[in-house]
Amino acid sequence: MSSASPKATNIVWHQASVDRDARAEQRGHRSAILWFTGLSGAGKSTLANAVNQALFERGLATYVLDGDNIRHGLCRDLGFSDADREENIRRIGEVAKLFLDSGVIVLTAFVSPFRADRDKARALVGEGDFLEIFCSADLSVCEERDTKGLYAKARAGDIKEFTGISSPYEAPEHPELSVDTGAGELETCVNEVVSALESRGIIPAQA
């Protein structure tokens, strides 16, 4: 479904009059992609939004791209086949790249089950711009948290190709950060992410 080059011809890349470095200087922080990945129910959206709130309260430019929200618009034509999952992540990677260029810290919360797809999203940007954050939680914990009843439907065969049950999840092998969202307190997890941003010089450290 994806293509290495655009189908359209007679197009050129236009350079913006205001670049990413200028935005970073004005805002006082670098932009970055924080790619939260993990099983459904692992706490990706909860953690991403909590980190977003913490950064917003410090006056930083941020935005959350949430899996369900994206499928209501940009990716509403996609299902959950392997090919559709690949295209879903390809689109998100491109959108996240635009946010990066705009000087924003963009937080993405998607299962993104396949390593190859996450690696393709990483390859779109420069070294140090993409932080893969593994939200680690046991499958049993994720099922206990499942307010939508998706795992029960998947085990009953009502939902096909459900990650963790009938479709595989490939955990990151070398994430920038692994957070124990299965057992850890939310505040502790938030602090781990924020500290990682500070240590990498993406955001200024607080006194």
C-alpha atoms as a PDB file:
ATOM      1  CA  MET A   1       0.000   0.000   0.000  1.00  0.00           C
ATOM      2  CA  SER A   2       2.864   2.349   0.748  1.00  0.00           C
ATOM      3  CA  SER A   3       5.209   3.665  -1.911  1.00  0.00           C
ATOM      4  CA  ALA A   4       8.817   4.785  -1.754  1.00  0.00           C
ATOM      5  CA  SER A   5       8.144   7.790  -3.998  1.00  0.00           C
ATOM      6  CA  PRO A   6       5.044   9.929  -4.675  1.00  0.00           C
ATOM      7  CA  LYS A   7       2.781   9.016  -7.577  1.00  0.00           C
ATOM      8  CA  ALA A   8       2.399  12.670  -8.514  1.00  0.00           C
ATOM      9  CA  THR A   9       4.863  14.140 -10.989  1.00  0.00           C
ATOM     10  CA  ASN A  10       6.024  17.705 -11.613  1.00  0.00           C
ATOM     11  CA  ILE A  11       6.278  18.457  -7.903  1.00  0.00           C
ATOM     12  CA  VAL A  12       9.151  20.055  -6.018  1.00  0.00           C
ATOM     13  CA  TRP A  13      10.015  20.429  -2.329  1.00  0.00           C
ATOM     14  CA  HIS A  14       9.609  24.011  -1.087  1.00  0.00           C
ATOM     15  CA  GLN A  15      11.805  25.249   1.750  1.00  0.00           C
ATOM     16  CA  ALA A  16      10.014  27.129   4.540  1.00  0.00           C
ATOM     17  CA  SER A  17      11.038  30.669   5.407  1.00  0.00           C
ATOM     18  CA  VAL A  18      11.085  29.755   9.119  1.00  0.00           C
ATOM     19  CA  ASP A  19      13.010  26.595   9.948  1.00  0.00           C
ATOM     20  CA  ARG A  20      12.973  24.214  12.888  1.00  0.00           C
ATOM     21  CA  ASP A  21      16.050  25.726  14.520  1.00  0.00           C
ATOM     22  CA  ALA A  22      14.458  29.171  14.545  1.00  0.00           C
ATOM     23  CA  ARG A  23      11.358  27.771  16.226  1.00  0.00           C
ATOM     24  CA  ALA A  24      13.481  25.985  18.828  1.00  0.00           C
ATOM     25  CA  GLU A  25      15.313  29.223  19.624  1.00  0.00           C
ATOM     26  CA  GLN A  26      12.052  31.128  19.982  1.00  0.00           C
ATOM     27  CA  ARG A  27      10.359  28.502  22.157  1.00  0.00           C
ATOM     28  CA  GLY A  28      13.348  27.534  24.267  1.00  0.00           C
ATOM     29  CA  HIS A  29      13.160  23.799  23.584  1.00  0.00           C
ATOM     30  CA  ARG A  30      13.787  21.312  20.813  1.00  0.00           C
ATOM     31  CA  SER A  31      11.089  19.389  19.020  1.00  0.00           C
ATOM     32  CA  ALA A  32      10.924  15.595  19.164  1.00  0.00           C
ATOM     33  CA  ILE A  33       8.741  12.593  18.411  1.00  0.00           C
ATOM     34  CA  LEU A  34       7.800  10.554  21.487  1.00  0.00           C
ATOM     35  CA  TRP A  35       6.536   7.249  20.121  1.00  0.00           C
ATOM     36  CA  PHE A  36       4.600   5.390  22.836  1.00  0.00           C
ATOM     37  CA  THR A  37       4.072   1.731  21.903  1.00  0.00           C
ATOM     38  CA  GLY A  38       2.608  -1.234  23.733  1.00  0.00           C
ATOM     39  CA  LEU A  39      -0.373  -3.546  23.938  1.00  0.00           C
ATOM     40  CA  SER A  40      -3.914  -2.259  24.026  1.00  0.00           C
ATOM     41  CA  GLY A  41      -4.556  -1.367  27.654  1.00  0.00           C
ATOM     42  CA  ALA A  42      -0.877  -0.922  28.481  1.00  0.00           C
ATOM     43  CA  GLY A  43      -1.440   2.751  29.272  1.00  0.00           C
ATOM     44  CA  LYS A  44      -0.040   4.466  26.164  1.00  0.00           C
ATOM     45  CA  SER A  45      -2.743   7.105  25.818  1.00  0.00           C
ATOM     46  CA  THR A  46      -2.947   7.683  29.571  1.00  0.00           C
ATOM     47  CA  LEU A  47       0.803   8.214  29.848  1.00  0.00           C
ATOM     48  CA  ALA A  48       1.102  10.271  26.661  1.00  0.00           C
ATOM     49  CA  ASN A  49      -1.646  12.638  27.787  1.00  0.00           C
ATOM     50  CA  ALA A  50      -0.216  12.924  31.292  1.00  0.00           C
ATOM     51  CA  VAL A  51       3.227  13.760  29.875  1.00  0.00           C
ATOM     52  CA  ASN A  52       1.588  16.209  27.496  1.00  0.00           C
ATOM     53  CA  GLN A  53      -0.128  17.936  30.428  1.00  0.00           C
ATOM     54  CA  ALA A  54       3.125  18.134  32.404  1.00  0.00           C
ATOM     55  CA  LEU A  55       4.989  19.659  29.460  1.00  0.00           C
ATOM     56  CA  PHE A  56       2.139  22.045  28.645  1.00  0.00           C
ATOM     57  CA  GLU A  57       2.173  23.327  32.214  1.00  0.00           C
ATOM     58  CA  ARG A  58       5.839  24.185  31.701  1.00  0.00           C
ATOM     59  CA  GLY A  59       4.909  26.304  28.684  1.00  0.00           C
ATOM     60  CA  LEU A  60       6.226  23.882  26.059  1.00  0.00           C
ATOM     61  CA  ALA A  61       4.688  23.337  22.629  1.00  0.00           C
ATOM     62  CA  THR A  62       3.196  19.839  22.489  1.00  0.00           C
ATOM     63  CA  TYR A  63       0.516  17.754  20.786  1.00  0.00           C
ATOM     64  CA  VAL A  64      -0.829  14.203  21.200  1.00  0.00           C
ATOM     65  CA  LEU A  65      -1.672  11.986  18.226  1.00  0.00           C
ATOM     66  CA  ASP A  66      -3.935   9.257  19.614  1.00  0.00           C
ATOM     67  CA  GLY A  67      -4.622   5.997  17.791  1.00  0.00           C
ATOM     68  CA  ASP A  68      -8.421   5.999  18.112  1.00  0.00           C
ATOM     69  CA  ASN A  69      -8.698   9.697  17.271  1.00  0.00           C
ATOM     70  CA  ILE A  70      -6.616   9.328  14.124  1.00  0.00           C
ATOM     71  CA  ARG A  71      -8.813   6.473  12.932  1.00  0.00           C
ATOM     72  CA  HIS A  72     -11.826   8.805  13.116  1.00  0.00           C
ATOM     73  CA  GLY A  73     -10.346  11.009  10.400  1.00  0.00           C
ATOM     74  CA  LEU A  74      -6.986  10.625   8.689  1.00  0.00           C
ATOM     75  CA  CYS A  75      -7.068   6.825   8.797  1.00  0.00           C
ATOM     76  CA  ARG A  76     -10.787   6.107   8.860  1.00  0.00           C
ATOM     77  CA  ASP A  77     -10.464   4.172   5.592  1.00  0.00           C
ATOM     78  CA  LEU A  78      -8.135   1.626   7.231  1.00  0.00           C
ATOM     79  CA  GLY A  79      -8.934  -1.582   9.085  1.00  0.00           C
ATOM     80  CA  PHE A  80      -6.663  -3.805  11.129  1.00  0.00           C
ATOM     81  CA  SER A  81      -5.137  -6.110   8.559  1.00  0.00           C
ATOM     82  CA  ASP A  82      -1.338  -6.212   8.506  1.00  0.00           C
ATOM     83  CA  ALA A  83      -1.317  -4.055   5.365  1.00  0.00           C
ATOM     84  CA  ASP A  84      -3.692  -1.506   6.898  1.00  0.00           C
ATOM     85  CA  ARG A  85      -1.688  -1.400  10.121  1.00  0.00           C
ATOM     86  CA  GLU A  86       1.441  -0.705   8.079  1.00  0.00           C
ATOM     87  CA  GLU A  87      -0.257   2.118   6.184  1.00  0.00           C
ATOM     88  CA  ASN A  88      -1.706   3.537   9.408  1.00  0.00           C
ATOM     89  CA  ILE A  89       1.761   3.823  10.948  1.00  0.00           C
ATOM     90  CA  ARG A  90       3.252   5.166   7.711  1.00  0.00           C
ATOM     91  CA  ARG A  91       0.742   8.025   7.714  1.00  0.00           C
ATOM     92  CA  ILE A  92       1.308   8.736  11.390  1.00  0.00           C
ATOM     93  CA  GLY A  93       5.048   8.794  10.849  1.00  0.00           C
ATOM     94  CA  GLU A  94       4.674  11.400   8.117  1.00  0.00           C
ATOM     95  CA  VAL A  95       2.323  13.522  10.234  1.00  0.00           C
ATOM     96  CA  ALA A  96       4.667  13.279  13.229  1.00  0.00           C
ATOM     97  CA  LYS A  97       7.517  14.424  10.995  1.00  0.00           C
ATOM     98  CA  LEU A  98       5.529  17.549  10.092  1.00  0.00           C
ATOM     99  CA  PHE A  99       4.955  18.294  13.781  1.00  0.00           C
ATOM    100  CA  LEU A 100       8.670  17.822  14.392  1.00  0.00           C
ATOM    101  CA  ASP A 101       9.495  20.350  11.693  1.00  0.00           C
ATOM    102  CA  SER A 102       6.966  22.779  13.187  1.00  0.00           C
ATOM    103  CA  GLY A 103       8.946  22.809  16.436  1.00  0.00           C
ATOM    104  CA  VAL A 104       6.451  20.800  18.474  1.00  0.00           C
ATOM    105  CA  ILE A 105       7.045  17.876  20.829  1.00  0.00           C
ATOM    106  CA  VAL A 106       4.598  15.368  19.353  1.00  0.00           C
ATOM    107  CA  LEU A 107       3.486  12.381  21.416  1.00  0.00           C
ATOM    108  CA  THR A 108       2.035   9.423  19.514  1.00  0.00           C
ATOM    109  CA  ALA A 109       0.025   6.716  21.254  1.00  0.00           C
ATOM    110  CA  PHE A 110      -0.397   3.712  18.963  1.00  0.00           C
ATOM    111  CA  VAL A 111      -0.083  -0.025  19.462  1.00  0.00           C
ATOM    112  CA  SER A 112       2.176  -0.030  16.366  1.00  0.00           C
ATOM    113  CA  PRO A 113       2.810  -3.761  16.824  1.00  0.00           C
ATOM    114  CA  PHE A 114       5.471  -4.356  14.180  1.00  0.00           C
ATOM    115  CA  ARG A 115       9.121  -3.368  14.646  1.00  0.00           C
ATOM    116  CA  ALA A 116       9.618  -2.806  10.917  1.00  0.00           C
ATOM    117  CA  ASP A 117       6.856  -0.192  10.821  1.00  0.00           C
ATOM    118  CA  ARG A 118       8.225   1.637  13.862  1.00  0.00           C
ATOM    119  CA  ASP A 119      11.706   1.542  12.331  1.00  0.00           C
ATOM    120  CA  LYS A 120      10.338   3.121   9.141  1.00  0.00           C
ATOM    121  CA  ALA A 121       8.823   5.949  11.183  1.00  0.00           C
ATOM    122  CA  ARG A 122      12.158   6.428  12.954  1.00  0.00           C
ATOM    123  CA  ALA A 123      14.009   6.504   9.627  1.00  0.00           C
ATOM    124  CA  LEU A 124      11.965   9.523   8.496  1.00  0.00           C
ATOM    125  CA  VAL A 125      13.759  11.825  10.930  1.00  0.00           C
ATOM    126  CA  GLY A 126      17.256  12.531  12.190  1.00  0.00           C
ATOM    127  CA  GLU A 127      19.264  10.902  14.946  1.00  0.00           C
ATOM    128  CA  GLY A 128      17.931  11.795  18.372  1.00  0.00           C
ATOM    129  CA  ASP A 129      14.583  13.089  17.067  1.00  0.00           C
ATOM    130  CA  PHE A 130      12.658   9.848  17.622  1.00  0.00           C
ATOM    131  CA  LEU A 131      12.242   8.432  21.118  1.00  0.00           C
ATOM    132  CA  GLU A 132      10.620   5.006  21.211  1.00  0.00           C
ATOM    133  CA  ILE A 133       8.922   4.605  24.595  1.00  0.00           C
ATOM    134  CA  PHE A 134       7.831   1.069  25.410  1.00  0.00           C
ATOM    135  CA  CYS A 135       4.818   0.949  27.720  1.00  0.00           C
ATOM    136  CA  SER A 136       5.466  -2.391  29.369  1.00  0.00           C
ATOM    137  CA  ALA A 137       2.508  -4.207  30.892  1.00  0.00           C
ATOM    138  CA  ASP A 138       1.647  -7.898  31.142  1.00  0.00           C
ATOM    139  CA  LEU A 139      -1.169  -9.127  28.947  1.00  0.00           C
ATOM    140  CA  SER A 140      -3.169 -10.094  32.055  1.00  0.00           C
ATOM    141  CA  VAL A 141      -2.972  -6.517  33.330  1.00  0.00           C
ATOM    142  CA  CYS A 142      -4.050  -5.137  29.959  1.00  0.00           C
ATOM    143  CA  GLU A 143      -7.062  -7.464  29.935  1.00  0.00           C
ATOM    144  CA  GLU A 144      -8.055  -6.397  33.445  1.00  0.00           C
ATOM    145  CA  ARG A 145      -7.981  -2.745  32.340  1.00  0.00           C
ATOM    146  CA  ASP A 146      -9.987  -3.369  29.159  1.00  0.00           C
ATOM    147  CA  THR A 147     -13.008  -1.112  29.665  1.00  0.00           C
ATOM    148  CA  LYS A 148     -14.142  -1.634  26.048  1.00  0.00           C
ATOM    149  CA  GLY A 149     -14.231  -5.409  26.358  1.00  0.00           C
ATOM    150  CA  LEU A 150     -12.013  -5.811  23.303  1.00  0.00           C
ATOM    151  CA  TYR A 151      -9.903  -8.643  24.688  1.00  0.00           C
ATOM    152  CA  ALA A 152     -13.006 -10.651  25.626  1.00  0.00           C
ATOM    153  CA  LYS A 153     -14.387 -10.160  22.117  1.00  0.00           C
ATOM    154  CA  ALA A 154     -11.043 -11.154  20.618  1.00  0.00           C
ATOM    155  CA  ARG A 155     -10.861 -14.330  22.717  1.00  0.00           C
ATOM    156  CA  ALA A 156     -14.418 -15.150  21.669  1.00  0.00           C
ATOM    157  CA  GLY A 157     -13.444 -14.755  18.034  1.00  0.00           C
ATOM    158  CA  ASP A 158     -15.632 -11.700  17.490  1.00  0.00           C
ATOM    159  CA  ILE A 159     -12.636  -9.466  16.690  1.00  0.00           C
ATOM    160  CA  LYS A 160     -10.161 -10.837  14.178  1.00  0.00           C
ATOM    161  CA  GLU A 161      -6.449  -9.943  14.108  1.00  0.00           C
ATOM    162  CA  PHE A 162      -6.410  -8.415  17.588  1.00  0.00           C
ATOM    163  CA  THR A 163      -2.912  -7.644  18.836  1.00  0.00           C
ATOM    164  CA  GLY A 164      -1.806  -9.848  21.706  1.00  0.00           C
ATOM    165  CA  ILE A 165      -4.476 -12.482  21.045  1.00  0.00           C
ATOM    166  CA  SER A 166      -4.732 -13.377  17.361  1.00  0.00           C
ATOM    167  CA  SER A 167      -2.098 -11.002  15.972  1.00  0.00           C
ATOM    168  CA  PRO A 168       1.449 -10.615  17.287  1.00  0.00           C
ATOM    169  CA  TYR A 169       3.006  -7.699  19.136  1.00  0.00           C
ATOM    170  CA  GLU A 170       6.736  -7.251  18.575  1.00  0.00           C
ATOM    171  CA  ALA A 171       8.144  -5.484  21.610  1.00  0.00           C
ATOM    172  CA  PRO A 172      10.972  -2.969  21.038  1.00  0.00           C
ATOM    173  CA  GLU A 173      14.432  -4.484  21.326  1.00  0.00           C
ATOM    174  CA  HIS A 174      16.290  -1.256  22.039  1.00  0.00           C
ATOM    175  CA  PRO A 175      13.794   1.477  23.009  1.00  0.00           C
ATOM    176  CA  GLU A 176      15.065   4.819  24.230  1.00  0.00           C
ATOM    177  CA  LEU A 177      12.923   4.268  27.297  1.00  0.00           C
ATOM    178  CA  SER A 178      10.998   1.348  28.793  1.00  0.00           C
ATOM    179  CA  VAL A 179       8.353   2.345  31.321  1.00  0.00           C
ATOM    180  CA  ASP A 180       6.598  -0.088  33.640  1.00  0.00           C
ATOM    181  CA  THR A 181       3.069   1.089  32.981  1.00  0.00           C
ATOM    182  CA  GLY A 182       1.702  -2.214  34.211  1.00  0.00           C
ATOM    183  CA  ALA A 183       2.724  -1.744  37.832  1.00  0.00           C
ATOM    184  CA  GLY A 184       4.227   1.730  38.114  1.00  0.00           C
ATOM    185  CA  GLU A 185       2.379   4.785  39.405  1.00  0.00           C
ATOM    186  CA  LEU A 186       1.379   7.230  36.677  1.00  0.00           C
ATOM    187  CA  GLU A 187       3.279  10.114  38.262  1.00  0.00           C
ATOM    188  CA  THR A 188       6.440   8.011  38.418  1.00  0.00           C
ATOM    189  CA  CYS A 189       6.077   7.050  34.748  1.00  0.00           C
ATOM    190  CA  VAL A 190       5.555  10.692  33.762  1.00  0.00           C
ATOM    191  CA  ASN A 191       8.664  11.734  35.658  1.00  0.00           C
ATOM    192  CA  GLU A 192      10.690   9.054  33.867  1.00  0.00           C
ATOM    193  CA  VAL A 193       9.669  10.401  30.465  1.00  0.00           C
ATOM    194  CA  VAL A 194      10.232  14.031  31.421  1.00  0.00           C
ATOM    195  CA  SER A 195      13.644  13.189  32.879  1.00  0.00           C
ATOM    196  CA  ALA A 196      14.577  11.444  29.622  1.00  0.00           C
ATOM    197  CA  LEU A 197      13.701  14.599  27.691  1.00  0.00           C
ATOM    198  CA  GLU A 198      15.764  16.729  30.059  1.00  0.00           C
ATOM    199  CA  SER A 199      18.790  14.440  29.943  1.00  0.00           C
ATOM    200  CA  ARG A 200      18.770  14.517  26.142  1.00  0.00           C
ATOM    201  CA  GLY A 201      18.606  18.305  26.053  1.00  0.00           C
ATOM    202  CA  ILE A 202      15.221  18.339  24.341  1.00  0.00           C
ATOM    203  CA  ILE A 203      13.684  20.426  27.104  1.00  0.00           C
ATOM    204  CA  PRO A 204      15.412  22.561  29.734  1.00  0.00           C
ATOM    205  CA  ALA A 205      15.859  20.976  33.145  1.00  0.00           C
ATOM    206  CA  GLN A 206      13.877  22.503  35.964  1.00  0.00           C
ATOM    207  CA  ALA A 207      15.699  23.804  38.990  1.00  0.00           C
END
